[in-house]
Amino acid sequence: MKKTGKDFRVPEGEKVNLEKWPTEVKPVYSSKKKYRKLLKKQAEELSALQRMHYASNRYALLLILHGMDSAGKDGAIRHVLSGVNPQGCQVFSFQHPSAEELDHDFLWRTNCRLPERGRIGIFNRSYYEEVLIVRVHPEILLGQGLPDGIVDEETIWRERYQSINDLEAHLHRNGTRIVKFFLHLSKEEQRKRFLDRIDEPEKNWKFSVADIDERQFWRQYMEVYEACLSATSTDSAPWYVVPADDKKNARLIISKIILDTFKTLKMSYPEVSEKRQEELQAIRKRLTEEEEC
């Protein structure tokens, strides 16, 4: 791939204007056949690195995906991680908080789902919803039962960004590597995908009236995404703005960024001691003699 992850990474401290970030770029593949070949190659490489990651048991990898409805989060997870051993991968989708979750701080329900060392954790939406949809729909915030004085528009979002940054810095210090993807979809492409969901019977289940209702808040969502990306993309937990109008291209970009992240980790298979080597050779001898009998 000619483009690198740095082309899509939001530098720490940069004020993001999403109008300047493309929703579509020149494809890194030249045909459907080339796309399948590239994705398969990257999937095989990712699978090999994931096996070493699981065996070394030193780091955890947390992948966070956000984007407007129909941006392609589910498809990216399904295609990019198709070759990964399910034993070493955990996927969680976060919907409306339950009554139990609302009785805790806004980070509690996702903290309970963080990946262990040696595993890949995938959040399809995450604690970032608390500074995205909740900010677009402040009535949700008012219904969370927070103490008087906390719900202050002048401070609450800044404080929540700080809580998120503090959490992610803590996780990084303890071996969790966090990579965050915003799938940047155009409003026109979303319209086309919604029509597909209506016109193709097998996609009808994906569509709801609520999806259309949220389109009227498009501008507000872009504004809160800009504020969120600006405030929470850090060197230790970066955001990547992935052009999402071309699903295939987006998957290849995401896959490459994950591979590059894995390659920064100091991973290796556990070393086998001399005593263990002798034990294995003794077992091998027994098995060989068994075959000869």
C-alpha atoms as a PDB file:
ATOM      1  CA  MET A   1       0.000   0.000   0.000  1.00  0.00           C
ATOM      2  CA  LYS A   2       1.392   3.381  -0.966  1.00  0.00           C
ATOM      3  CA  LYS A   3      -0.424   5.230   1.801  1.00  0.00           C
ATOM      4  CA  THR A   4       0.561   4.649   5.410  1.00  0.00           C
ATOM      5  CA  GLY A   5      -1.291   4.931   8.690  1.00  0.00           C
ATOM      6  CA  LYS A   6       0.245   8.349   9.236  1.00  0.00           C
ATOM      7  CA  ASP A   7      -1.793   9.675   6.312  1.00  0.00           C
ATOM      8  CA  PHE A   8      -4.974   9.068   8.319  1.00  0.00           C
ATOM      9  CA  ARG A   9      -3.756   9.657  11.870  1.00  0.00           C
ATOM     10  CA  VAL A  10      -4.946  12.695  13.819  1.00  0.00           C
ATOM     11  CA  PRO A  11      -1.835  14.268  15.410  1.00  0.00           C
ATOM     12  CA  GLU A  12      -2.064  14.993  19.114  1.00  0.00           C
ATOM     13  CA  GLY A  13      -3.289  18.537  19.717  1.00  0.00           C
ATOM     14  CA  GLU A  14      -4.553  19.102  16.159  1.00  0.00           C
ATOM     15  CA  LYS A  15      -7.882  20.861  15.798  1.00  0.00           C
ATOM     16  CA  VAL A  16      -9.891  18.663  13.443  1.00  0.00           C
ATOM     17  CA  ASN A  17     -12.054  20.023  10.632  1.00  0.00           C
ATOM     18  CA  LEU A  18     -13.722  17.016   9.021  1.00  0.00           C
ATOM     19  CA  GLU A  19     -14.501  18.966   5.863  1.00  0.00           C
ATOM     20  CA  LYS A  20     -10.766  18.859   5.167  1.00  0.00           C
ATOM     21  CA  TRP A  21     -10.565  15.082   5.684  1.00  0.00           C
ATOM     22  CA  PRO A  22     -11.715  13.133   2.603  1.00  0.00           C
ATOM     23  CA  THR A  23     -14.437  10.505   2.742  1.00  0.00           C
ATOM     24  CA  GLU A  24     -12.910   8.841  -0.319  1.00  0.00           C
ATOM     25  CA  VAL A  25      -9.349   8.515  -1.600  1.00  0.00           C
ATOM     26  CA  LYS A  26      -7.716   6.755  -4.535  1.00  0.00           C
ATOM     27  CA  PRO A  27      -8.142   2.997  -3.944  1.00  0.00           C
ATOM     28  CA  VAL A  28      -5.093   0.994  -2.953  1.00  0.00           C
ATOM     29  CA  TYR A  29      -6.475  -1.873  -5.089  1.00  0.00           C
ATOM     30  CA  SER A  30      -6.971  -1.881  -8.848  1.00  0.00           C
ATOM     31  CA  SER A  31      -9.710  -4.529  -9.129  1.00  0.00           C
ATOM     32  CA  LYS A  32     -11.955  -6.762  -7.021  1.00  0.00           C
ATOM     33  CA  LYS A  33      -9.487  -9.598  -7.580  1.00  0.00           C
ATOM     34  CA  LYS A  34      -6.607  -7.428  -6.371  1.00  0.00           C
ATOM     35  CA  TYR A  35      -8.674  -6.357  -3.356  1.00  0.00           C
ATOM     36  CA  ARG A  36      -9.360  -9.955  -2.347  1.00  0.00           C
ATOM     37  CA  LYS A  37      -5.688 -10.838  -2.797  1.00  0.00           C
ATOM     38  CA  LEU A  38      -4.506  -7.896  -0.675  1.00  0.00           C
ATOM     39  CA  LEU A  39      -7.074  -8.533   2.059  1.00  0.00           C
ATOM     40  CA  LYS A  40      -6.180 -12.232   2.169  1.00  0.00           C
ATOM     41  CA  LYS A  41      -2.468 -11.431   2.418  1.00  0.00           C
ATOM     42  CA  GLN A  42      -3.034  -8.956   5.225  1.00  0.00           C
ATOM     43  CA  ALA A  43      -5.411 -11.345   7.015  1.00  0.00           C
ATOM     44  CA  GLU A  44      -2.794 -14.113   6.941  1.00  0.00           C
ATOM     45  CA  GLU A  45      -0.136 -11.750   8.264  1.00  0.00           C
ATOM     46  CA  LEU A  46      -2.466 -10.526  10.983  1.00  0.00           C
ATOM     47  CA  SER A  47      -3.312 -14.094  11.964  1.00  0.00           C
ATOM     48  CA  ALA A  48       0.374 -14.958  12.350  1.00  0.00           C
ATOM     49  CA  LEU A  49       1.029 -11.859  14.472  1.00  0.00           C
ATOM     50  CA  GLN A  50      -2.042 -12.553  16.573  1.00  0.00           C
ATOM     51  CA  ARG A  51      -0.791 -16.067  17.368  1.00  0.00           C
ATOM     52  CA  MET A  52       2.523 -14.616  18.562  1.00  0.00           C
ATOM     53  CA  HIS A  53       0.626 -11.923  20.485  1.00  0.00           C
ATOM     54  CA  TYR A  54      -1.443 -14.590  22.247  1.00  0.00           C
ATOM     55  CA  ALA A  55       1.589 -16.738  23.020  1.00  0.00           C
ATOM     56  CA  SER A  56       3.775 -13.884  24.295  1.00  0.00           C
ATOM     57  CA  ASN A  57       0.972 -12.664  26.599  1.00  0.00           C
ATOM     58  CA  ARG A  58       2.592  -9.271  27.243  1.00  0.00           C
ATOM     59  CA  TYR A  59       0.292  -6.737  25.590  1.00  0.00           C
ATOM     60  CA  ALA A  60      -3.415  -6.266  24.976  1.00  0.00           C
ATOM     61  CA  LEU A  61      -4.714  -4.596  21.825  1.00  0.00           C
ATOM     62  CA  LEU A  62      -7.929  -2.567  21.935  1.00  0.00           C
ATOM     63  CA  LEU A  63      -9.508  -1.510  18.640  1.00  0.00           C
ATOM     64  CA  ILE A  64     -12.301   1.071  18.827  1.00  0.00           C
ATOM     65  CA  LEU A  65     -14.565   1.776  15.841  1.00  0.00           C
ATOM     66  CA  HIS A  66     -16.957   4.684  15.497  1.00  0.00           C
ATOM     67  CA  GLY A  67     -18.820   6.297  12.647  1.00  0.00           C
ATOM     68  CA  MET A  68     -22.252   7.303  11.471  1.00  0.00           C
ATOM     69  CA  ASP A  69     -24.863   4.621  10.797  1.00  0.00           C
ATOM     70  CA  SER A  70     -23.912   2.435   7.789  1.00  0.00           C
ATOM     71  CA  ALA A  71     -20.272   3.607   7.866  1.00  0.00           C
ATOM     72  CA  GLY A  72     -19.142  -0.034   7.656  1.00  0.00           C
ATOM     73  CA  LYS A  73     -18.021  -0.865  11.197  1.00  0.00           C
ATOM     74  CA  ASP A  74     -19.520  -4.379  11.210  1.00  0.00           C
ATOM     75  CA  GLY A  75     -18.146  -5.194   7.761  1.00  0.00           C
ATOM     76  CA  ALA A  76     -14.683  -3.976   8.703  1.00  0.00           C
ATOM     77  CA  ILE A  77     -14.627  -6.188  11.776  1.00  0.00           C
ATOM     78  CA  ARG A  78     -15.892  -9.195   9.824  1.00  0.00           C
ATOM     79  CA  HIS A  79     -13.514  -8.887   6.870  1.00  0.00           C
ATOM     80  CA  VAL A  80     -10.348  -7.549   8.483  1.00  0.00           C
ATOM     81  CA  LEU A  81     -10.340 -10.072  11.322  1.00  0.00           C
ATOM     82  CA  SER A  82     -11.629 -13.027   9.319  1.00  0.00           C
ATOM     83  CA  GLY A  83      -8.452 -15.035   9.848  1.00  0.00           C
ATOM     84  CA  VAL A  84      -7.932 -14.344  13.545  1.00  0.00           C
ATOM     85  CA  ASN A  85      -8.403 -17.189  16.010  1.00  0.00           C
ATOM     86  CA  PRO A  86     -11.659 -16.445  17.913  1.00  0.00           C
ATOM     87  CA  GLN A  87      -9.950 -17.652  21.099  1.00  0.00           C
ATOM     88  CA  GLY A  88      -7.717 -14.584  21.016  1.00  0.00           C
ATOM     89  CA  CYS A  89     -10.306 -12.021  19.940  1.00  0.00           C
ATOM     90  CA  GLN A  90     -13.283 -10.453  21.729  1.00  0.00           C
ATOM     91  CA  VAL A  91     -15.918  -8.228  20.067  1.00  0.00           C
ATOM     92  CA  PHE A  92     -18.360  -6.076  21.999  1.00  0.00           C
ATOM     93  CA  SER A  93     -21.091  -3.810  20.648  1.00  0.00           C
ATOM     94  CA  PHE A  94     -22.397  -1.169  23.034  1.00  0.00           C
ATOM     95  CA  GLN A  95     -26.000  -0.082  22.736  1.00  0.00           C
ATOM     96  CA  HIS A  96     -28.158   1.939  25.135  1.00  0.00           C
ATOM     97  CA  PRO A  97     -26.890   1.610  28.736  1.00  0.00           C
ATOM     98  CA  SER A  98     -28.862  -0.650  31.052  1.00  0.00           C
ATOM     99  CA  ALA A  99     -30.253   0.507  34.413  1.00  0.00           C
ATOM    100  CA  GLU A 100     -27.310  -1.187  36.147  1.00  0.00           C
ATOM    101  CA  GLU A 101     -24.800   0.556  33.877  1.00  0.00           C
ATOM    102  CA  LEU A 102     -26.400   3.950  34.474  1.00  0.00           C
ATOM    103  CA  ASP A 103     -25.862   3.478  38.210  1.00  0.00           C
ATOM    104  CA  HIS A 104     -22.087   3.548  37.604  1.00  0.00           C
ATOM    105  CA  ASP A 105     -19.722   6.102  36.095  1.00  0.00           C
ATOM    106  CA  PHE A 106     -19.805   6.390  32.300  1.00  0.00           C
ATOM    107  CA  LEU A 107     -16.617   4.341  31.841  1.00  0.00           C
ATOM    108  CA  TRP A 108     -17.696   1.390  33.995  1.00  0.00           C
ATOM    109  CA  ARG A 109     -19.516  -0.751  31.442  1.00  0.00           C
ATOM    110  CA  THR A 110     -16.652  -0.668  28.943  1.00  0.00           C
ATOM    111  CA  ASN A 111     -13.979  -1.174  31.619  1.00  0.00           C
ATOM    112  CA  CYS A 112     -15.625  -4.514  32.318  1.00  0.00           C
ATOM    113  CA  ARG A 113     -14.952  -5.533  28.694  1.00  0.00           C
ATOM    114  CA  LEU A 114     -11.324  -4.497  28.279  1.00  0.00           C
ATOM    115  CA  PRO A 115      -9.130  -7.183  26.656  1.00  0.00           C
ATOM    116  CA  GLU A 116      -6.742  -9.287  28.700  1.00  0.00           C
ATOM    117  CA  ARG A 117      -3.069  -9.457  27.820  1.00  0.00           C
ATOM    118  CA  GLY A 118      -2.535 -11.602  24.766  1.00  0.00           C
ATOM    119  CA  ARG A 119      -5.905 -10.768  23.253  1.00  0.00           C
ATOM    120  CA  ILE A 120      -7.467  -8.356  20.794  1.00  0.00           C
ATOM    121  CA  GLY A 121     -10.495  -6.474  22.067  1.00  0.00           C
ATOM    122  CA  ILE A 122     -12.829  -4.784  19.590  1.00  0.00           C
ATOM    123  CA  PHE A 123     -15.340  -2.145  20.630  1.00  0.00           C
ATOM    124  CA  ASN A 124     -18.048  -1.492  18.057  1.00  0.00           C
ATOM    125  CA  ARG A 125     -18.920   1.894  19.547  1.00  0.00           C
ATOM    126  CA  SER A 126     -17.618   2.542  23.055  1.00  0.00           C
ATOM    127  CA  TYR A 127     -17.389   4.954  25.958  1.00  0.00           C
ATOM    128  CA  TYR A 128     -16.999   7.659  23.314  1.00  0.00           C
ATOM    129  CA  GLU A 129     -20.770   7.526  22.844  1.00  0.00           C
ATOM    130  CA  GLU A 130     -20.904   9.510  26.094  1.00  0.00           C
ATOM    131  CA  VAL A 131     -19.317  12.509  24.357  1.00  0.00           C
ATOM    132  CA  LEU A 132     -20.990  11.928  20.972  1.00  0.00           C
ATOM    133  CA  ILE A 133     -24.656  10.879  20.924  1.00  0.00           C
ATOM    134  CA  VAL A 134     -25.126  12.141  24.476  1.00  0.00           C
ATOM    135  CA  ARG A 135     -23.798  15.537  23.440  1.00  0.00           C
ATOM    136  CA  VAL A 136     -26.074  15.690  20.390  1.00  0.00           C
ATOM    137  CA  HIS A 137     -29.026  14.598  22.537  1.00  0.00           C
ATOM    138  CA  PRO A 138     -28.547  16.299  25.931  1.00  0.00           C
ATOM    139  CA  GLU A 139     -31.837  14.845  27.173  1.00  0.00           C
ATOM    140  CA  ILE A 140     -29.970  11.526  27.499  1.00  0.00           C
ATOM    141  CA  LEU A 141     -27.515  13.157  29.878  1.00  0.00           C
ATOM    142  CA  LEU A 142     -30.349  14.595  31.976  1.00  0.00           C
ATOM    143  CA  GLY A 143     -31.800  11.108  32.305  1.00  0.00           C
ATOM    144  CA  GLN A 144     -28.611   9.546  33.694  1.00  0.00           C
ATOM    145  CA  GLY A 145     -29.323  10.481  37.306  1.00  0.00           C
ATOM    146  CA  LEU A 146     -26.097  12.421  37.808  1.00  0.00           C
ATOM    147  CA  PRO A 147     -25.662  14.588  40.943  1.00  0.00           C
ATOM    148  CA  ASP A 148     -26.617  18.233  40.828  1.00  0.00           C
ATOM    149  CA  GLY A 149     -23.773  20.426  39.630  1.00  0.00           C
ATOM    150  CA  ILE A 150     -22.155  17.817  37.369  1.00  0.00           C
ATOM    151  CA  VAL A 151     -24.389  18.437  34.375  1.00  0.00           C
ATOM    152  CA  ASP A 152     -22.824  21.745  33.388  1.00  0.00           C
ATOM    153  CA  GLU A 153     -22.462  22.351  29.643  1.00  0.00           C
ATOM    154  CA  GLU A 154     -19.474  24.593  30.330  1.00  0.00           C
ATOM    155  CA  THR A 155     -17.406  21.845  31.936  1.00  0.00           C
ATOM    156  CA  ILE A 156     -18.843  18.332  31.544  1.00  0.00           C
ATOM    157  CA  TRP A 157     -17.514  17.564  28.061  1.00  0.00           C
ATOM    158  CA  ARG A 158     -14.035  18.850  28.859  1.00  0.00           C
ATOM    159  CA  GLU A 159     -14.064  16.768  32.052  1.00  0.00           C
ATOM    160  CA  ARG A 160     -15.219  13.670  30.206  1.00  0.00           C
ATOM    161  CA  TYR A 161     -12.469  14.091  27.613  1.00  0.00           C
ATOM    162  CA  GLN A 162     -10.000  14.314  30.487  1.00  0.00           C
ATOM    163  CA  SER A 163     -11.407  11.156  32.089  1.00  0.00           C
ATOM    164  CA  ILE A 164     -11.060   9.312  28.772  1.00  0.00           C
ATOM    165  CA  ASN A 165      -7.503  10.533  28.223  1.00  0.00           C
ATOM    166  CA  ASP A 166      -6.565   9.574  31.786  1.00  0.00           C
ATOM    167  CA  LEU A 167      -8.030   6.087  31.311  1.00  0.00           C
ATOM    168  CA  GLU A 168      -6.274   5.519  27.988  1.00  0.00           C
ATOM    169  CA  ALA A 169      -2.945   6.769  29.364  1.00  0.00           C
ATOM    170  CA  HIS A 170      -3.327   4.393  32.320  1.00  0.00           C
ATOM    171  CA  LEU A 171      -4.081   1.462  30.013  1.00  0.00           C
ATOM    172  CA  HIS A 172      -1.093   2.299  27.799  1.00  0.00           C
ATOM    173  CA  ARG A 173       1.223   2.368  30.818  1.00  0.00           C
ATOM    174  CA  ASN A 174      -0.009  -1.099  31.708  1.00  0.00           C
ATOM    175  CA  GLY A 175       0.484  -2.703  28.308  1.00  0.00           C
ATOM    176  CA  THR A 176      -2.783  -2.069  26.445  1.00  0.00           C
ATOM    177  CA  ARG A 177      -2.304  -0.540  23.021  1.00  0.00           C
ATOM    178  CA  ILE A 178      -5.332   1.421  21.817  1.00  0.00           C
ATOM    179  CA  VAL A 179      -6.118   2.207  18.184  1.00  0.00           C
ATOM    180  CA  LYS A 180      -9.252   4.230  17.383  1.00  0.00           C
ATOM    181  CA  PHE A 181     -10.938   4.423  13.986  1.00  0.00           C
ATOM    182  CA  PHE A 182     -13.466   7.003  12.857  1.00  0.00           C
ATOM    183  CA  LEU A 183     -15.015   5.738   9.622  1.00  0.00           C
ATOM    184  CA  HIS A 184     -15.566   8.998   7.785  1.00  0.00           C
ATOM    185  CA  LEU A 185     -18.676   8.592   5.625  1.00  0.00           C
ATOM    186  CA  SER A 186     -20.289  11.252   3.435  1.00  0.00           C
ATOM    187  CA  LYS A 187     -23.969  12.065   3.903  1.00  0.00           C
ATOM    188  CA  GLU A 188     -24.642  11.209   0.250  1.00  0.00           C
ATOM    189  CA  GLU A 189     -23.013   7.779   0.568  1.00  0.00           C
ATOM    190  CA  GLN A 190     -25.071   7.094   3.686  1.00  0.00           C
ATOM    191  CA  ARG A 191     -28.219   7.955   1.706  1.00  0.00           C
ATOM    192  CA  LYS A 192     -27.257   5.400  -0.967  1.00  0.00           C
ATOM    193  CA  ARG A 193     -26.569   2.707   1.627  1.00  0.00           C
ATOM    194  CA  PHE A 194     -29.873   3.350   3.359  1.00  0.00           C
ATOM    195  CA  LEU A 195     -31.662   2.940   0.009  1.00  0.00           C
ATOM    196  CA  ASP A 196     -29.827  -0.371  -0.490  1.00  0.00           C
ATOM    197  CA  ARG A 197     -31.035  -1.518   2.904  1.00  0.00           C
ATOM    198  CA  ILE A 198     -34.594  -0.759   1.875  1.00  0.00           C
ATOM    199  CA  ASP A 199     -34.373  -2.182  -1.658  1.00  0.00           C
ATOM    200  CA  GLU A 200     -32.544  -5.407  -0.794  1.00  0.00           C
ATOM    201  CA  PRO A 201     -34.748  -7.715   1.338  1.00  0.00           C
ATOM    202  CA  GLU A 202     -31.784  -9.378   3.048  1.00  0.00           C
ATOM    203  CA  LYS A 203     -30.698  -5.949   4.341  1.00  0.00           C
ATOM    204  CA  ASN A 204     -34.112  -4.782   5.592  1.00  0.00           C
ATOM    205  CA  TRP A 205     -33.334  -5.878   9.128  1.00  0.00           C
ATOM    206  CA  LYS A 206     -30.445  -3.392   9.263  1.00  0.00           C
ATOM    207  CA  PHE A 207     -32.701  -0.386   8.755  1.00  0.00           C
ATOM    208  CA  SER A 208     -34.911   1.460  11.230  1.00  0.00           C
ATOM    209  CA  VAL A 209     -36.801   4.742  11.300  1.00  0.00           C
ATOM    210  CA  ALA A 210     -34.367   5.930  13.986  1.00  0.00           C
ATOM    211  CA  ASP A 211     -31.568   5.818  11.401  1.00  0.00           C
ATOM    212  CA  ILE A 212     -33.394   8.357   9.258  1.00  0.00           C
ATOM    213  CA  ASP A 213     -34.251  10.508  12.269  1.00  0.00           C
ATOM    214  CA  GLU A 214     -30.573  10.807  13.155  1.00  0.00           C
ATOM    215  CA  ARG A 215     -29.704  12.146   9.680  1.00  0.00           C
ATOM    216  CA  GLN A 216     -31.267  15.479  10.584  1.00  0.00           C
ATOM    217  CA  PHE A 217     -28.533  15.854  13.215  1.00  0.00           C
ATOM    218  CA  TRP A 218     -25.708  15.290  10.722  1.00  0.00           C
ATOM    219  CA  ARG A 219     -24.121  18.709  11.205  1.00  0.00           C
ATOM    220  CA  GLN A 220     -24.269  18.390  14.997  1.00  0.00           C
ATOM    221  CA  TYR A 221     -22.647  14.948  14.827  1.00  0.00           C
ATOM    222  CA  MET A 222     -19.824  16.261  12.676  1.00  0.00           C
ATOM    223  CA  GLU A 223     -19.229  19.043  15.193  1.00  0.00           C
ATOM    224  CA  VAL A 224     -19.086  16.717  18.198  1.00  0.00           C
ATOM    225  CA  TYR A 225     -16.861  14.269  16.311  1.00  0.00           C
ATOM    226  CA  GLU A 226     -14.497  17.119  15.478  1.00  0.00           C
ATOM    227  CA  ALA A 227     -14.368  18.188  19.130  1.00  0.00           C
ATOM    228  CA  CYS A 228     -13.871  14.601  20.298  1.00  0.00           C
ATOM    229  CA  LEU A 229     -11.117  13.750  17.809  1.00  0.00           C
ATOM    230  CA  SER A 230      -9.325  17.009  18.598  1.00  0.00           C
ATOM    231  CA  ALA A 231      -9.436  16.434  22.354  1.00  0.00           C
ATOM    232  CA  THR A 232      -8.707  12.704  22.572  1.00  0.00           C
ATOM    233  CA  SER A 233      -6.252  11.758  19.813  1.00  0.00           C
ATOM    234  CA  THR A 234      -2.976  11.247  21.651  1.00  0.00           C
ATOM    235  CA  ASP A 235       0.386   9.712  20.850  1.00  0.00           C
ATOM    236  CA  SER A 236      -0.440   6.703  23.017  1.00  0.00           C
ATOM    237  CA  ALA A 237      -4.067   6.314  21.845  1.00  0.00           C
ATOM    238  CA  PRO A 238      -4.406   7.851  18.366  1.00  0.00           C
ATOM    239  CA  TRP A 239      -7.499   8.376  16.261  1.00  0.00           C
ATOM    240  CA  TYR A 240      -7.412   7.493  12.573  1.00  0.00           C
ATOM    241  CA  VAL A 241      -9.903   9.150  10.207  1.00  0.00           C
ATOM    242  CA  VAL A 242     -10.528   6.424   7.624  1.00  0.00           C
ATOM    243  CA  PRO A 243     -12.258   7.418   4.331  1.00  0.00           C
ATOM    244  CA  ALA A 244     -15.310   5.154   4.379  1.00  0.00           C
ATOM    245  CA  ASP A 245     -17.217   5.830   1.147  1.00  0.00           C
ATOM    246  CA  ASP A 246     -15.325   2.893  -0.406  1.00  0.00           C
ATOM    247  CA  LYS A 247     -15.829  -0.050   1.963  1.00  0.00           C
ATOM    248  CA  LYS A 248     -13.121  -2.202   0.411  1.00  0.00           C
ATOM    249  CA  ASN A 249     -10.542   0.557   0.605  1.00  0.00           C
ATOM    250  CA  ALA A 250     -11.488   1.315   4.206  1.00  0.00           C
ATOM    251  CA  ARG A 251     -10.992  -2.336   5.194  1.00  0.00           C
ATOM    252  CA  LEU A 252      -7.533  -2.450   3.631  1.00  0.00           C
ATOM    253  CA  ILE A 253      -6.540   0.789   5.380  1.00  0.00           C
ATOM    254  CA  ILE A 254      -7.777  -0.444   8.766  1.00  0.00           C
ATOM    255  CA  SER A 255      -6.030  -3.779   8.299  1.00  0.00           C
ATOM    256  CA  LYS A 256      -2.732  -2.058   7.449  1.00  0.00           C
ATOM    257  CA  ILE A 257      -2.925   0.198  10.509  1.00  0.00           C
ATOM    258  CA  ILE A 258      -3.557  -2.798  12.779  1.00  0.00           C
ATOM    259  CA  LEU A 259      -0.603  -4.648  11.242  1.00  0.00           C
ATOM    260  CA  ASP A 260       1.650  -1.631  11.698  1.00  0.00           C
ATOM    261  CA  THR A 261       0.579  -1.374  15.347  1.00  0.00           C
ATOM    262  CA  PHE A 262       1.382  -5.027  15.981  1.00  0.00           C
ATOM    263  CA  LYS A 263       4.821  -4.574  14.436  1.00  0.00           C
ATOM    264  CA  THR A 264       5.685  -1.897  17.010  1.00  0.00           C
ATOM    265  CA  LEU A 265       5.254  -4.392  19.848  1.00  0.00           C
ATOM    266  CA  LYS A 266       8.161  -6.406  21.182  1.00  0.00           C
ATOM    267  CA  MET A 267       6.632  -9.848  20.790  1.00  0.00           C
ATOM    268  CA  SER A 268       8.159 -13.298  20.574  1.00  0.00           C
ATOM    269  CA  TYR A 269       7.192 -16.840  21.305  1.00  0.00           C
ATOM    270  CA  PRO A 270       8.151 -17.948  24.845  1.00  0.00           C
ATOM    271  CA  GLU A 271      11.693 -19.302  25.057  1.00  0.00           C
ATOM    272  CA  VAL A 272      12.002 -22.981  25.851  1.00  0.00           C
ATOM    273  CA  SER A 273      14.473 -23.829  28.604  1.00  0.00           C
ATOM    274  CA  GLU A 274      17.211 -26.407  28.161  1.00  0.00           C
ATOM    275  CA  LYS A 275      15.433 -28.678  30.618  1.00  0.00           C
ATOM    276  CA  ARG A 276      12.213 -28.416  28.648  1.00  0.00           C
ATOM    277  CA  GLN A 277      14.075 -29.139  25.397  1.00  0.00           C
ATOM    278  CA  GLU A 278      15.465 -32.323  26.918  1.00  0.00           C
ATOM    279  CA  GLU A 279      11.978 -33.288  28.053  1.00  0.00           C
ATOM    280  CA  LEU A 280      10.557 -32.721  24.568  1.00  0.00           C
ATOM    281  CA  GLN A 281      13.316 -34.775  22.955  1.00  0.00           C
ATOM    282  CA  ALA A 282      12.655 -37.606  25.408  1.00  0.00           C
ATOM    283  CA  ILE A 283       8.966 -37.529  24.490  1.00  0.00           C
ATOM    284  CA  ARG A 284       9.859 -37.440  20.825  1.00  0.00           C
ATOM    285  CA  LYS A 285      12.042 -40.515  21.253  1.00  0.00           C
ATOM    286  CA  ARG A 286       9.225 -42.398  22.917  1.00  0.00           C
ATOM    287  CA  LEU A 287       6.802 -41.491  20.147  1.00  0.00           C
ATOM    288  CA  THR A 288       9.316 -42.547  17.471  1.00  0.00           C
ATOM    289  CA  GLU A 289       9.942 -45.877  19.162  1.00  0.00           C
ATOM    290  CA  GLU A 290       6.190 -46.356  19.433  1.00  0.00           C
ATOM    291  CA  GLU A 291       5.858 -45.941  15.664  1.00  0.00           C
ATOM    292  CA  GLU A 292       8.646 -48.440  15.001  1.00  0.00           C
ATOM    293  CA  CYS A 293       6.858 -51.085  17.093  1.00  0.00           C
END
